[in-house]
Every structure is written in structure tokens, then in C-alpha cells.
Amino acid sequence: LTKFNDRMYEELGKKTTAFTFPFGAKSEATIKVVKEMGFKAMLDCEEKITEISTEEDLYNIHRFLRPNNMSTKDFFENKVKIAA
């Protein structure tokens, strides 16, 4: 992770501020490490709405995954049907 951050800075001249867990795999230990490295937010793979009311909530942002064989249009139409 440190090598990745260093490379991103070398290539882009900017530090990364958000971390996305591959496949949503995380533990309390990894969360602690990511915070210590200076990330300001973390995303997981739980498909649900995130409510942010505290700074700590930024370390538990959920996301909806779109399969690569599904168009963006179909993805959002499906989510609207589920929410209705």
C-alpha cells in the first residue's frame, strides 16, 4: 500500500485520500492501518446507502457494484426498481 501511494504521488503529484477495499475484504486491523496512512475515507462493497453524520462514518462508505456485463442504464433502472 505504501508503494502504491508513493507511485501515485510520483506519477500524479497528488496523494490519494480515499481507499477502496478490494472485494470489500476488511478487518479492524486493516482499517487502523489505512487510517494511520492518512486516508480520509474508505469504501467497502456492501450494497446499501451510506449515511454520513460523523467523521468516523467516512471510514465505512458503502457502494453499489455494477457487473461488467450490465449497461449503466440497466444498472440504474434496476436500482430504481429495488428502491421503489
C-alpha atoms as a PDB file:
ATOM      1  CA  LEU A   1       0.000   0.000   0.000  1.00  0.00           C
ATOM      2  CA  THR A   2       2.870   2.339   0.756  1.00  0.00           C
ATOM      3  CA  LYS A   3       4.459   1.537  -2.606  1.00  0.00           C
ATOM      4  CA  PHE A   4       1.149   2.237  -4.334  1.00  0.00           C
ATOM      5  CA  ASN A   5       0.813   5.602  -2.603  1.00  0.00           C
ATOM      6  CA  ASP A   6       4.381   6.528  -3.449  1.00  0.00           C
ATOM      7  CA  ARG A   7       3.870   5.596  -7.112  1.00  0.00           C
ATOM      8  CA  MET A   8       0.617   7.554  -7.315  1.00  0.00           C
ATOM      9  CA  TYR A   9       2.389  10.610  -5.940  1.00  0.00           C
ATOM     10  CA  GLU A  10       5.312  10.178  -8.359  1.00  0.00           C
ATOM     11  CA  GLU A  11       3.008   9.808 -11.365  1.00  0.00           C
ATOM     12  CA  LEU A  12       0.296  12.323 -10.493  1.00  0.00           C
ATOM     13  CA  GLY A  13       1.868  14.667  -7.980  1.00  0.00           C
ATOM     14  CA  LYS A  14      -1.057  14.097  -5.614  1.00  0.00           C
ATOM     15  CA  LYS A  15      -1.620  11.960  -2.566  1.00  0.00           C
ATOM     16  CA  THR A  16      -4.515   9.536  -2.520  1.00  0.00           C
ATOM     17  CA  THR A  17      -7.127  10.353   0.120  1.00  0.00           C
ATOM     18  CA  ALA A  18      -9.646   7.512  -0.253  1.00  0.00           C
ATOM     19  CA  PHE A  19      -9.106   3.761  -0.109  1.00  0.00           C
ATOM     20  CA  THR A  20     -11.340   1.100  -1.613  1.00  0.00           C
ATOM     21  CA  PHE A  21     -11.078  -2.392  -0.210  1.00  0.00           C
ATOM     22  CA  PRO A  22     -10.702  -4.967  -2.994  1.00  0.00           C
ATOM     23  CA  PHE A  23     -13.798  -7.153  -2.917  1.00  0.00           C
ATOM     24  CA  GLY A  24     -14.798  -5.375   0.300  1.00  0.00           C
ATOM     25  CA  ALA A  25     -12.455  -7.522   2.393  1.00  0.00           C
ATOM     26  CA  LYS A  26     -11.556  -5.562   5.515  1.00  0.00           C
ATOM     27  CA  SER A  27     -10.879  -6.039   9.188  1.00  0.00           C
ATOM     28  CA  GLU A  28     -10.354  -3.789  12.175  1.00  0.00           C
ATOM     29  CA  ALA A  29      -6.579  -4.190  11.666  1.00  0.00           C
ATOM     30  CA  THR A  30      -6.702  -3.021   8.048  1.00  0.00           C
ATOM     31  CA  ILE A  31      -8.970  -0.115   8.933  1.00  0.00           C
ATOM     32  CA  LYS A  32      -6.447   1.008  11.547  1.00  0.00           C
ATOM     33  CA  VAL A  33      -3.563   0.798   9.056  1.00  0.00           C
ATOM     34  CA  VAL A  34      -5.450   2.734   6.396  1.00  0.00           C
ATOM     35  CA  LYS A  35      -6.269   5.489   8.912  1.00  0.00           C
ATOM     36  CA  GLU A  36      -2.652   5.615  10.098  1.00  0.00           C
ATOM     37  CA  MET A  37      -1.509   6.032   6.493  1.00  0.00           C
ATOM     38  CA  GLY A  38      -3.550   9.220   6.275  1.00  0.00           C
ATOM     39  CA  PHE A  39      -6.512   8.146   4.158  1.00  0.00           C
ATOM     40  CA  LYS A  40      -9.567  10.317   4.826  1.00  0.00           C
ATOM     41  CA  ALA A  41     -12.216   7.834   3.636  1.00  0.00           C
ATOM     42  CA  MET A  42     -12.701   4.127   2.881  1.00  0.00           C
ATOM     43  CA  LEU A  43     -15.183   2.317   0.663  1.00  0.00           C
ATOM     44  CA  ASP A  44     -16.407  -1.263   1.011  1.00  0.00           C
ATOM     45  CA  CYS A  45     -18.629  -3.479  -1.162  1.00  0.00           C
ATOM     46  CA  GLU A  46     -21.778  -3.509   0.944  1.00  0.00           C
ATOM     47  CA  GLU A  47     -24.615  -2.631  -1.395  1.00  0.00           C
ATOM     48  CA  LYS A  48     -26.554  -0.206   0.726  1.00  0.00           C
ATOM     49  CA  ILE A  49     -26.924   3.520   1.265  1.00  0.00           C
ATOM     50  CA  THR A  50     -24.348   5.212   3.464  1.00  0.00           C
ATOM     51  CA  GLU A  51     -25.454   7.818   5.978  1.00  0.00           C
ATOM     52  CA  ILE A  52     -22.638  10.147   6.968  1.00  0.00           C
ATOM     53  CA  SER A  53     -23.166  12.122  10.142  1.00  0.00           C
ATOM     54  CA  THR A  54     -19.727  11.872  11.757  1.00  0.00           C
ATOM     55  CA  GLU A  55     -16.159  11.887  10.504  1.00  0.00           C
ATOM     56  CA  GLU A  56     -15.897   8.227  11.517  1.00  0.00           C
ATOM     57  CA  ASP A  57     -18.672   7.379   9.015  1.00  0.00           C
ATOM     58  CA  LEU A  58     -16.243   8.331   6.212  1.00  0.00           C
ATOM     59  CA  TYR A  59     -14.376   5.108   7.001  1.00  0.00           C
ATOM     60  CA  ASN A  60     -17.423   2.963   6.270  1.00  0.00           C
ATOM     61  CA  ILE A  61     -18.770   4.168   2.920  1.00  0.00           C
ATOM     62  CA  HIS A  62     -20.769   1.555   1.027  1.00  0.00           C
ATOM     63  CA  ARG A  63     -21.012   1.237  -2.752  1.00  0.00           C
ATOM     64  CA  PHE A  64     -23.133  -0.459  -5.357  1.00  0.00           C
ATOM     65  CA  LEU A  65     -21.258  -2.641  -7.821  1.00  0.00           C
ATOM     66  CA  ARG A  66     -22.187  -2.732 -11.492  1.00  0.00           C
ATOM     67  CA  PRO A  67     -21.368  -6.033 -13.209  1.00  0.00           C
ATOM     68  CA  ASN A  68     -19.204  -5.526 -16.282  1.00  0.00           C
ATOM     69  CA  ASN A  69     -21.847  -7.161 -18.486  1.00  0.00           C
ATOM     70  CA  MET A  70     -24.560  -4.675 -17.423  1.00  0.00           C
ATOM     71  CA  SER A  71     -25.016  -1.272 -19.006  1.00  0.00           C
ATOM     72  CA  THR A  72     -25.042   1.790 -16.796  1.00  0.00           C
ATOM     73  CA  LYS A  73     -28.629   2.451 -17.877  1.00  0.00           C
ATOM     74  CA  ASP A  74     -29.763  -1.052 -16.858  1.00  0.00           C
ATOM     75  CA  PHE A  75     -27.844  -0.788 -13.592  1.00  0.00           C
ATOM     76  CA  PHE A  76     -29.627   2.388 -12.527  1.00  0.00           C
ATOM     77  CA  GLU A  77     -33.017   1.188 -13.741  1.00  0.00           C
ATOM     78  CA  ASN A  78     -32.562  -1.919 -11.588  1.00  0.00           C
ATOM     79  CA  LYS A  79     -31.636   0.178  -8.521  1.00  0.00           C
ATOM     80  CA  VAL A  80     -34.692   2.398  -9.005  1.00  0.00           C
ATOM     81  CA  LYS A  81     -36.943  -0.688  -9.104  1.00  0.00           C
ATOM     82  CA  ILE A  82     -35.378  -2.020  -5.889  1.00  0.00           C
ATOM     83  CA  ALA A  83     -35.816   1.333  -4.092  1.00  0.00           C
ATOM     84  CA  ALA A  84     -39.467   1.655  -5.140  1.00  0.00           C
END
